[in-house]
């Protein structure tokens, strides 16, 4: 039973950390600090995309 409880606590802690990252990225997206957010499932990480437009209006 103790092992199951420890695993559950580990899952909860990781979920809380993931929620913090999602919340921070959503805030950055909302204020324009980043332009897009993508999730790379092959590496299990979020990719933050900043699109920079040059003087001619090209990305």
Protein backbone atom coordinates (compact mmCIF):
# COMPACT_ATOMS: atom_id res chain seq x y z
CA UNK A 1 0.00 0.00 0.00
CA UNK A 2 2.84 2.39 0.82
CA UNK A 3 4.36 1.86 -2.63
CA UNK A 4 1.06 2.76 -4.33
CA UNK A 5 0.76 5.88 -2.17
CA UNK A 6 4.31 6.96 -3.09
CA UNK A 7 3.58 6.45 -6.79
CA UNK A 8 0.39 8.49 -6.50
CA UNK A 9 2.24 11.31 -4.75
CA UNK A 10 4.87 11.25 -7.52
CA UNK A 11 2.13 11.51 -10.18
CA UNK A 12 0.48 14.41 -8.33
CA UNK A 13 3.77 16.30 -7.96
CA UNK A 14 4.57 15.87 -11.65
CA UNK A 15 1.06 16.95 -12.64
CA UNK A 16 1.38 20.07 -10.49
CA UNK A 17 4.71 20.92 -12.14
CA UNK A 18 3.20 20.41 -15.61
CA UNK A 19 0.28 22.69 -14.73
CA UNK A 20 2.73 25.42 -13.64
CA UNK A 21 4.54 25.21 -16.99
CA UNK A 22 1.30 25.28 -18.96
CA UNK A 23 0.04 28.25 -16.95
CA UNK A 24 3.30 30.19 -17.40
CA UNK A 25 3.35 29.47 -21.14
CA UNK A 26 -0.29 30.52 -21.49
CA UNK A 27 0.47 33.80 -19.73
CA UNK A 28 3.49 34.42 -21.98
CA UNK A 29 1.36 33.66 -25.04
CA UNK A 30 -1.38 36.02 -23.84
CA UNK A 31 0.97 38.98 -23.39
CA UNK A 32 2.79 38.42 -26.67
CA UNK A 33 6.13 37.21 -25.29
CA UNK A 34 5.76 34.09 -27.43
CA UNK A 35 3.77 33.56 -30.61
CA UNK A 36 3.00 29.85 -30.55
CA UNK A 37 3.33 26.81 -28.34
CA UNK A 38 3.79 23.32 -29.75
CA UNK A 39 4.32 20.01 -27.99
CA UNK A 40 7.03 17.69 -29.32
CA UNK A 41 5.78 14.24 -28.36
CA UNK A 42 8.97 12.55 -29.52
CA UNK A 43 10.97 14.42 -26.90
CA UNK A 44 8.09 15.10 -24.48
CA UNK A 45 8.71 18.82 -24.30
CA UNK A 46 7.02 22.08 -25.17
CA UNK A 47 8.43 24.22 -27.96
CA UNK A 48 7.95 27.97 -27.62
CA UNK A 49 7.96 29.80 -30.93
CA UNK A 50 8.82 33.46 -31.34
CA UNK A 51 8.10 34.70 -34.83
CA UNK A 52 10.29 37.61 -35.76
CA UNK A 53 9.15 39.77 -38.65
CA UNK A 54 11.84 41.68 -40.47
CA UNK A 55 11.47 45.14 -42.00
CA UNK A 56 10.04 43.70 -45.23
CA UNK A 57 7.34 41.83 -43.34
CA UNK A 58 8.87 38.37 -43.87
CA UNK A 59 9.27 35.80 -41.13
